[in-house]
Amino acid sequence: MTFKKIYTVLLMCSATAIISMGFFSNFFTKEADFIINKSDNYDKLWKRVDSCQDKGLTESALKVVEVIYAKAKADNNAAQFVKAVLHRMRFESVKEEFSLEKSIIKLRDEG
């Protein structure tokens, strides 16, 4: 009888732990909580990149850099374009192992 009670308590504790991990999994895989508007000016977008970088959200920072890249390309803004390319290469290097080679190939194919 005692073994059955201990087994039941252990089973309930492990089930509670598994359910709790499901509820809190969003907390550990936190994404940036902002909306990217393409109409934002460059300073505002770069501040978002810095904010994401400071929080360790390189994936979110890369998304903002991609918006800046597209905006700079459409506006024919060379300075912002180059800055976006350099930041994109930096954030992709965190994400992938051979990202530098891939970034160079991307630039070559675009040009």
Protein backbone atom coordinates (compact mmCIF):
# COMPACT_ATOMS: atom_id res chain seq x y z
CA MET A 1 0.00 0.00 0.00
CA THR A 2 2.79 2.46 0.82
CA PHE A 3 4.59 1.69 -2.44
CA LYS A 4 1.43 2.50 -4.36
CA LYS A 5 1.11 5.91 -2.64
CA ILE A 6 4.76 6.78 -3.30
CA TYR A 7 4.40 5.71 -6.93
CA THR A 8 1.26 7.84 -7.33
CA VAL A 9 2.93 10.91 -5.80
CA LEU A 10 6.00 10.51 -8.04
CA LEU A 11 3.81 10.07 -11.09
CA MET A 12 1.82 13.21 -10.22
CA CYS A 13 5.00 15.23 -9.63
CA SER A 14 6.56 14.18 -12.92
CA ALA A 15 3.31 14.91 -14.81
CA THR A 16 3.15 18.36 -13.18
CA ALA A 17 6.77 19.03 -14.17
CA ILE A 18 6.12 18.01 -17.78
CA ILE A 19 3.01 20.19 -18.00
CA SER A 20 4.88 23.12 -16.43
CA MET A 21 7.67 22.82 -18.98
CA GLY A 22 5.08 23.11 -21.73
CA PHE A 23 3.59 26.26 -20.23
CA PHE A 24 6.94 27.94 -19.64
CA SER A 25 8.64 26.88 -22.87
CA ASN A 26 7.60 30.17 -24.49
CA PHE A 27 9.46 32.02 -21.73
CA PHE A 28 12.76 30.37 -22.66
CA THR A 29 12.33 30.81 -26.42
CA LYS A 30 11.53 34.49 -26.16
CA GLU A 31 11.29 36.48 -29.39
CA ALA A 32 11.41 40.21 -29.81
CA ASP A 33 8.12 41.82 -28.97
CA PHE A 34 7.88 44.56 -31.55
CA ILE A 35 6.48 45.13 -34.98
CA ILE A 36 8.81 46.11 -37.80
CA ASN A 37 7.45 48.87 -40.00
CA LYS A 38 9.21 49.46 -43.29
CA SER A 39 8.21 53.13 -43.00
CA ASP A 40 10.42 53.56 -39.90
CA ASN A 41 13.50 55.71 -40.37
CA TYR A 42 16.97 54.18 -40.32
CA ASP A 43 17.88 55.50 -36.86
CA LYS A 44 14.83 53.89 -35.30
CA LEU A 45 15.52 50.58 -37.04
CA TRP A 46 19.20 50.58 -35.99
CA LYS A 47 18.16 51.24 -32.40
CA ARG A 48 15.98 48.14 -32.59
CA VAL A 49 18.93 46.15 -33.92
CA ASP A 50 21.08 47.36 -31.01
CA SER A 51 18.31 46.56 -28.54
CA CYS A 52 17.92 43.02 -29.87
CA GLN A 53 21.66 42.53 -29.87
CA ASP A 54 21.92 43.71 -26.26
CA LYS A 55 19.24 41.19 -25.27
CA GLY A 56 21.01 38.40 -27.14
CA LEU A 57 18.23 38.08 -29.73
CA THR A 58 20.43 37.70 -32.79
CA GLU A 59 17.66 36.12 -34.86
CA SER A 60 15.37 39.09 -34.22
CA ALA A 61 18.20 41.52 -34.91
CA LEU A 62 18.81 39.75 -38.22
CA LYS A 63 15.15 40.21 -39.17
CA VAL A 64 15.39 43.96 -38.56
CA VAL A 65 18.65 44.12 -40.51
CA GLU A 66 16.92 42.40 -43.44
CA VAL A 67 14.26 45.13 -43.38
CA ILE A 68 16.96 47.81 -43.33
CA TYR A 69 18.75 46.03 -46.19
CA ALA A 70 15.62 45.96 -48.35
CA LYS A 71 14.78 49.58 -47.50
CA ALA A 72 18.31 50.79 -48.28
CA LYS A 73 18.33 48.89 -51.55
CA ALA A 74 14.96 50.37 -52.56
CA ASP A 75 16.03 53.89 -51.52
CA ASN A 76 19.42 53.48 -53.23
CA ASN A 77 21.09 54.48 -49.94
CA ALA A 78 24.64 53.12 -50.26
CA ALA A 79 25.78 53.91 -46.72
CA GLN A 80 22.84 52.13 -45.07
CA PHE A 81 23.12 49.29 -47.57
CA VAL A 82 26.76 48.61 -46.69
CA LYS A 83 26.04 48.88 -42.97
CA ALA A 84 23.17 46.42 -43.33
CA VAL A 85 25.32 43.98 -45.31
CA LEU A 86 28.03 44.04 -42.62
CA HIS A 87 25.53 43.54 -39.81
CA ARG A 88 23.78 40.78 -41.72
CA MET A 89 27.11 38.99 -42.15
CA ARG A 90 27.83 39.32 -38.42
CA PHE A 91 24.45 37.97 -37.30
CA GLU A 92 24.47 35.17 -39.86
CA SER A 93 27.92 34.10 -38.61
CA VAL A 94 26.37 33.48 -35.20
CA LYS A 95 23.62 31.41 -36.80
CA GLU A 96 25.59 29.36 -39.35
CA GLU A 97 29.05 27.88 -39.60
CA PHE A 98 29.95 28.81 -43.20
CA SER A 99 27.93 32.00 -43.38
CA LEU A 100 30.78 34.23 -44.61
CA GLU A 101 31.15 32.23 -47.80
CA LYS A 102 27.37 32.17 -48.28
CA SER A 103 27.16 35.94 -47.74
CA ILE A 104 29.86 36.58 -50.31
CA ILE A 105 28.07 34.35 -52.82
CA LYS A 106 24.80 36.21 -52.11
CA LEU A 107 26.47 39.56 -52.77
CA ARG A 108 28.13 38.29 -55.94
CA ASP A 109 24.85 36.91 -57.29
CA GLU A 110 23.02 40.17 -56.53
CA GLY A 111 25.57 42.35 -58.27
